[in-house]
Amino acid sequence: MDALLLHRLHFAFTITYHYLFPQLTMGLALLIVVLKTVAITRKGERYNDAARFWARIFAINFLIGVVTGIPMEFQFGTNWSQFARITGGVIGQPLAMEGVFSFFLESAFLGLFLFGEKRLSVWGHWASAFFVFLGSWISGFFIIVTNAWMQHPVAYRVLPNGSYEVTSFWGLMMNPWALLQYAHNMSGAVITAAFVMCSVGAFYVLENRFSEYGRIFLRVGVIAGLVSCLTQIFPTGDLHRRNISLRPWPPWKVCLSRKKALASFLWGSPTRNASALTIQSS
């Protein structure tokens, strides 16, 4: 087992474990806004209580996501120092914007939502929930932009010293790979939150404990899960597939190094014929 494989396994474990938590919080952020909206429009206090309940779950996941995300940022320098050195002028921009803008937006309004309900008006408290949702989804966008550039680099040039710099900020942000990947990813986040909400609601109903709240969780979770599952397949999944198969870049271009693709490292040599993309073992 060489050092490269150890670096890959180390980073893969860190990022996989970390992503369990943002995936849930991004989906929950939208569902909490839905619960708050229904509570205000229908004057249903139970929906308001449900929003408070899931806000606590959100806060716990948000905290664990921050703690598990910090080592991942350091691993850019420890595990992939050369990559970080030459591409830092590009990937550093969306990563910094994620921390400076969206993370602080989300965390500041999360504090208002959790502890400021008695000091804010009804719509002010709803606005705090909305900005938590907005911050979490903008955060996801900046991370996706970074990842999309690694799959399909755009709006950059190579300097004489071998490092990369951005030639167009909006070209980087509007990377066609990023837009489809973001839509597909966020529908997946809503699916995650919807299934978690449904599972808690089903438990309450089956155990005949807090059954009224359980039915609310089931109602909101099933509707959100159904809609997001459909959008996960079409149009986001279908368009993402078309984007991979029809565009000129290699469809197996995932974390591509200068010598070989990660797909080739894991499964063998990727080949493509006129009808389909197949991964063949070597």
Protein backbone atom coordinates (compact mmCIF):
# COMPACT_ATOMS: atom_id res chain seq x y z
CA MET A 1 0.00 0.00 0.00
CA ASP A 2 1.65 3.21 -1.19
CA ALA A 3 1.32 6.74 0.17
CA LEU A 4 -1.02 7.84 -2.63
CA LEU A 5 -3.57 5.15 -1.77
CA LEU A 6 -3.37 6.06 1.91
CA HIS A 7 -3.97 9.72 1.09
CA ARG A 8 -7.00 8.79 -1.00
CA LEU A 9 -8.48 6.55 1.68
CA HIS A 10 -7.81 9.15 4.37
CA PHE A 11 -9.44 11.97 2.45
CA ALA A 12 -12.32 9.76 1.25
CA PHE A 13 -13.18 8.76 4.82
CA THR A 14 -13.05 12.36 6.06
CA ILE A 15 -15.18 13.83 3.29
CA THR A 16 -17.71 10.97 3.33
CA TYR A 17 -18.21 11.18 7.08
CA HIS A 18 -18.46 14.98 6.94
CA TYR A 19 -20.98 14.98 4.11
CA LEU A 20 -23.50 12.92 6.07
CA PHE A 21 -24.31 16.02 8.12
CA PRO A 22 -24.48 18.90 5.55
CA GLN A 23 -26.64 16.70 3.32
CA LEU A 24 -29.24 16.48 6.08
CA THR A 25 -29.01 20.11 7.20
CA MET A 26 -29.43 21.50 3.67
CA GLY A 27 -32.57 19.45 3.18
CA LEU A 28 -33.93 20.21 6.65
CA ALA A 29 -33.43 23.94 6.11
CA LEU A 30 -36.01 23.90 3.31
CA LEU A 31 -38.48 21.74 5.26
CA ILE A 32 -38.23 24.01 8.31
CA VAL A 33 -39.17 26.98 6.12
CA VAL A 34 -42.13 24.97 4.82
CA LEU A 35 -43.25 24.18 8.39
CA LYS A 36 -42.92 27.83 9.42
CA THR A 37 -44.84 29.00 6.35
CA VAL A 38 -47.71 26.59 7.01
CA ALA A 39 -47.73 27.60 10.69
CA ILE A 40 -48.17 31.28 9.77
CA THR A 41 -50.63 30.90 6.89
CA ARG A 42 -52.85 28.34 8.63
CA LYS A 43 -52.22 29.66 12.15
CA GLY A 44 -51.29 26.14 13.23
CA GLU A 45 -49.23 26.10 16.40
CA ARG A 46 -48.39 22.42 15.94
CA TYR A 47 -46.51 23.24 12.74
CA ASN A 48 -44.62 25.89 14.68
CA ASP A 49 -43.72 23.32 17.34
CA ALA A 50 -42.63 20.95 14.59
CA ALA A 51 -40.36 23.65 13.15
CA ARG A 52 -38.79 24.19 16.59
CA PHE A 53 -38.23 20.44 16.99
CA TRP A 54 -36.44 20.08 13.65
CA ALA A 55 -34.48 23.28 14.25
CA ARG A 56 -32.83 21.54 17.22
CA ILE A 57 -31.95 18.56 15.02
CA PHE A 58 -30.63 21.01 12.43
CA ALA A 59 -28.45 22.75 15.01
CA ILE A 60 -26.90 19.48 16.20
CA ASN A 61 -26.11 18.39 12.65
CA PHE A 62 -24.79 21.85 11.81
CA LEU A 63 -22.40 21.69 14.76
CA ILE A 64 -21.12 18.21 13.88
CA GLY A 65 -20.79 19.27 10.23
CA VAL A 66 -18.53 22.17 11.26
CA VAL A 67 -16.38 19.95 13.48
CA THR A 68 -15.95 17.26 10.81
CA GLY A 69 -15.39 19.82 8.05
CA ILE A 70 -12.41 21.54 9.66
CA PRO A 71 -10.03 18.54 9.27
CA MET A 72 -11.10 18.22 5.65
CA GLU A 73 -9.90 21.76 4.90
CA PHE A 74 -6.51 21.01 6.43
CA GLN A 75 -6.24 17.86 4.34
CA PHE A 76 -6.13 19.95 1.18
CA GLY A 77 -2.70 21.03 2.38
CA THR A 78 -1.55 17.84 4.09
CA ASN A 79 -2.77 15.22 1.60
CA TRP A 80 -2.86 17.21 -1.65
CA SER A 81 -0.32 19.96 -1.09
CA GLN A 82 0.85 20.18 -4.70
CA PHE A 83 -2.72 20.33 -6.01
CA ALA A 84 -3.61 23.02 -3.47
CA ARG A 85 -0.47 24.97 -4.33
CA ILE A 86 -0.99 25.16 -8.09
CA THR A 87 -4.82 25.46 -8.15
CA GLY A 88 -5.33 27.50 -4.99
CA GLY A 89 -5.87 30.66 -7.03
CA VAL A 90 -8.99 29.06 -8.50
CA ILE A 91 -10.53 26.70 -5.94
CA GLY A 92 -9.60 29.03 -3.10
CA GLN A 93 -12.10 31.64 -4.29
CA PRO A 94 -15.36 29.63 -3.99
CA LEU A 95 -14.11 27.93 -0.81
CA ALA A 96 -13.33 31.30 0.79
CA MET A 97 -16.69 32.72 -0.32
CA GLU A 98 -18.43 29.71 1.21
CA GLY A 99 -16.83 30.45 4.56
CA VAL A 100 -17.04 34.24 4.55
CA PHE A 101 -20.51 34.71 3.06
CA SER A 102 -22.78 31.68 3.28
CA PHE A 103 -21.44 30.04 6.44
CA PHE A 104 -21.68 33.22 8.51
CA LEU A 105 -25.08 34.03 7.02
CA GLU A 106 -26.35 30.61 8.01
CA SER A 107 -24.80 30.55 11.48
CA ALA A 108 -25.85 34.11 12.39
CA PHE A 109 -29.50 33.60 11.48
CA LEU A 110 -29.52 30.14 13.04
CA GLY A 111 -28.80 31.83 16.35
CA LEU A 112 -31.69 34.23 15.77
CA PHE A 113 -34.01 31.39 14.82
CA LEU A 114 -33.14 29.26 17.85
CA PHE A 115 -33.01 31.96 20.53
CA GLY A 116 -34.77 35.00 19.13
CA GLU A 117 -38.36 33.87 18.62
CA LYS A 118 -39.66 35.83 21.61
CA ARG A 119 -37.83 38.97 20.49
CA LEU A 120 -38.80 38.81 16.81
CA SER A 121 -42.14 39.24 15.11
CA VAL A 122 -43.82 36.24 13.50
CA TRP A 123 -42.54 37.17 10.07
CA GLY A 124 -39.16 38.17 11.49
CA HIS A 125 -38.77 34.67 12.88
CA TRP A 126 -39.84 33.25 9.52
CA ALA A 127 -37.23 35.44 7.83
CA SER A 128 -34.52 34.06 10.11
CA ALA A 129 -35.51 30.53 9.07
CA PHE A 130 -35.45 31.58 5.41
CA PHE A 131 -31.95 33.07 5.68
CA VAL A 132 -30.71 29.90 7.37
CA PHE A 133 -32.07 28.00 4.38
CA LEU A 134 -30.56 30.52 1.95
CA GLY A 135 -27.17 30.40 3.64
CA SER A 136 -27.03 26.61 3.67
CA TRP A 137 -28.00 26.34 0.00
CA ILE A 138 -25.54 29.04 -1.08
CA SER A 139 -22.88 27.18 0.89
CA GLY A 140 -23.70 24.05 -1.07
CA PHE A 141 -23.42 25.99 -4.32
CA PHE A 142 -19.91 27.25 -3.61
CA ILE A 143 -18.74 23.76 -2.67
CA ILE A 144 -20.29 22.32 -5.84
CA VAL A 145 -18.58 25.04 -7.91
CA THR A 146 -15.24 23.93 -6.46
CA ASN A 147 -15.92 20.28 -7.17
CA ALA A 148 -17.28 21.01 -10.65
CA TRP A 149 -14.10 22.85 -11.59
CA MET A 150 -12.15 19.73 -10.65
CA GLN A 151 -14.36 17.70 -13.01
CA HIS A 152 -14.51 20.27 -15.82
CA PRO A 153 -12.02 23.16 -15.44
CA VAL A 154 -13.25 26.43 -16.97
CA ALA A 155 -12.32 30.14 -16.88
CA TYR A 156 -8.67 29.67 -15.95
CA ARG A 157 -5.20 30.05 -17.35
CA VAL A 158 -1.83 28.59 -16.42
CA LEU A 159 0.80 31.08 -15.31
CA PRO A 160 4.49 30.76 -16.19
CA ASN A 161 5.23 29.31 -12.75
CA GLY A 162 2.72 26.50 -13.34
CA SER A 163 -0.02 27.79 -11.03
CA TYR A 164 -3.60 28.51 -12.10
CA GLU A 165 -5.59 31.71 -11.93
CA VAL A 166 -9.18 32.68 -12.72
CA THR A 167 -9.83 34.54 -15.96
CA SER A 168 -13.57 35.06 -15.46
CA PHE A 169 -15.32 35.03 -12.09
CA TRP A 170 -18.76 34.46 -13.61
CA GLY A 171 -17.35 31.85 -15.95
CA LEU A 172 -16.17 29.96 -12.87
CA MET A 173 -19.50 30.38 -11.06
CA MET A 174 -21.63 29.47 -14.08
CA ASN A 175 -19.71 26.33 -14.97
CA PRO A 176 -22.32 24.19 -16.83
CA TRP A 177 -21.17 21.15 -14.91
CA ALA A 178 -21.75 22.99 -11.61
CA LEU A 179 -25.30 24.11 -12.37
CA LEU A 180 -26.61 20.63 -13.13
CA GLN A 181 -24.58 19.03 -10.39
CA TYR A 182 -25.94 21.57 -7.89
CA ALA A 183 -29.57 20.97 -8.85
CA HIS A 184 -29.06 17.21 -8.65
CA ASN A 185 -27.25 17.44 -5.32
CA MET A 186 -29.82 19.67 -3.63
CA SER A 187 -32.72 17.46 -4.65
CA GLY A 188 -30.75 14.64 -3.03
CA ALA A 189 -30.42 16.72 0.14
CA VAL A 190 -34.19 17.20 0.29
CA ILE A 191 -34.66 13.45 -0.21
CA THR A 192 -32.38 12.79 2.76
CA ALA A 193 -34.23 15.21 5.02
CA ALA A 194 -37.64 13.99 3.85
CA PHE A 195 -36.81 10.35 4.62
CA VAL A 196 -35.43 11.27 8.05
CA MET A 197 -38.56 13.31 8.81
CA CYS A 198 -40.80 10.47 7.62
CA SER A 199 -38.95 7.92 9.73
CA VAL A 200 -39.39 9.98 12.91
CA GLY A 201 -43.05 10.59 12.07
CA ALA A 202 -43.68 6.91 11.40
CA PHE A 203 -42.06 6.00 14.72
CA TYR A 204 -44.28 8.42 16.62
CA VAL A 205 -47.44 7.19 14.88
CA LEU A 206 -46.64 3.50 15.34
CA GLU A 207 -45.72 4.01 19.00
CA ASN A 208 -48.79 6.20 19.52
CA ARG A 209 -46.58 8.93 20.99
CA PHE A 210 -47.01 12.52 19.80
CA SER A 211 -49.09 11.05 16.97
CA GLU A 212 -50.38 14.46 15.85
CA TYR A 213 -46.84 15.65 15.29
CA GLY A 214 -45.97 12.32 13.71
CA ARG A 215 -48.68 12.83 11.12
CA ILE A 216 -47.34 16.31 10.36
CA PHE A 217 -43.85 14.88 9.86
CA LEU A 218 -45.25 12.15 7.60
CA ARG A 219 -47.36 14.57 5.58
CA VAL A 220 -44.56 17.05 4.94
CA GLY A 221 -41.91 14.36 4.51
CA VAL A 222 -43.87 12.23 2.04
CA ILE A 223 -44.80 15.19 -0.16
CA ALA A 224 -41.27 16.63 -0.12
CA GLY A 225 -39.75 13.20 -0.67
CA LEU A 226 -42.02 12.42 -3.61
CA VAL A 227 -41.33 15.72 -5.36
CA SER A 228 -37.58 15.58 -4.75
CA CYS A 229 -37.33 11.92 -5.85
CA LEU A 230 -39.00 12.85 -9.12
CA THR A 231 -36.69 15.82 -9.68
CA GLN A 232 -33.71 13.64 -8.77
CA ILE A 233 -34.58 11.43 -11.74
CA PHE A 234 -35.94 14.08 -14.11
CA PRO A 235 -34.93 16.66 -15.06
CA THR A 236 -31.76 16.89 -12.92
CA GLY A 237 -30.59 13.29 -13.24
CA ASP A 238 -31.46 13.03 -16.92
CA LEU A 239 -29.83 16.34 -17.79
CA HIS A 240 -26.75 15.43 -15.78
CA ARG A 241 -26.47 12.19 -17.76
CA ARG A 242 -26.85 14.07 -21.03
CA ASN A 243 -24.29 16.61 -19.90
CA ILE A 244 -21.77 13.83 -19.30
CA SER A 245 -22.47 11.84 -22.46
CA LEU A 246 -22.93 14.59 -25.05
CA ARG A 247 -20.29 17.15 -24.16
CA PRO A 248 -16.74 16.86 -25.52
CA TRP A 249 -14.95 16.28 -22.21
CA PRO A 250 -14.25 12.68 -21.13
CA PRO A 251 -17.26 11.27 -19.24
CA TRP A 252 -15.03 9.54 -16.70
CA LYS A 253 -13.30 12.81 -15.81
CA VAL A 254 -13.65 12.54 -12.04
CA CYS A 255 -10.80 13.93 -9.94
CA LEU A 256 -8.59 13.53 -13.00
CA SER A 257 -4.88 13.57 -12.35
CA ARG A 258 -2.30 14.25 -15.01
CA LYS A 259 -1.59 10.56 -15.48
CA LYS A 260 -4.82 8.64 -14.94
CA ALA A 261 -8.39 9.02 -13.81
CA LEU A 262 -9.70 7.93 -10.45
CA ALA A 263 -12.24 5.78 -12.29
CA SER A 264 -9.40 3.92 -13.96
CA PHE A 265 -7.68 3.51 -10.60
CA LEU A 266 -10.79 2.02 -8.98
CA TRP A 267 -12.41 -0.08 -11.71
CA GLY A 268 -10.06 -0.43 -14.65
CA SER A 269 -9.82 1.33 -17.99
CA PRO A 270 -12.86 3.44 -18.91
CA THR A 271 -13.94 3.03 -22.53
CA ARG A 272 -16.68 4.66 -24.55
CA ASN A 273 -18.36 3.44 -27.72
CA ALA A 274 -21.03 5.00 -29.88
CA SER A 275 -23.95 3.67 -27.88
CA ALA A 276 -22.95 3.68 -24.23
CA LEU A 277 -20.25 4.35 -21.68
CA THR A 278 -18.92 1.23 -20.01
CA ILE A 279 -16.34 0.63 -17.33
CA GLN A 280 -14.32 -2.46 -18.14
CA SER A 281 -12.00 -4.18 -15.75
CA SER A 282 -8.43 -4.53 -16.82
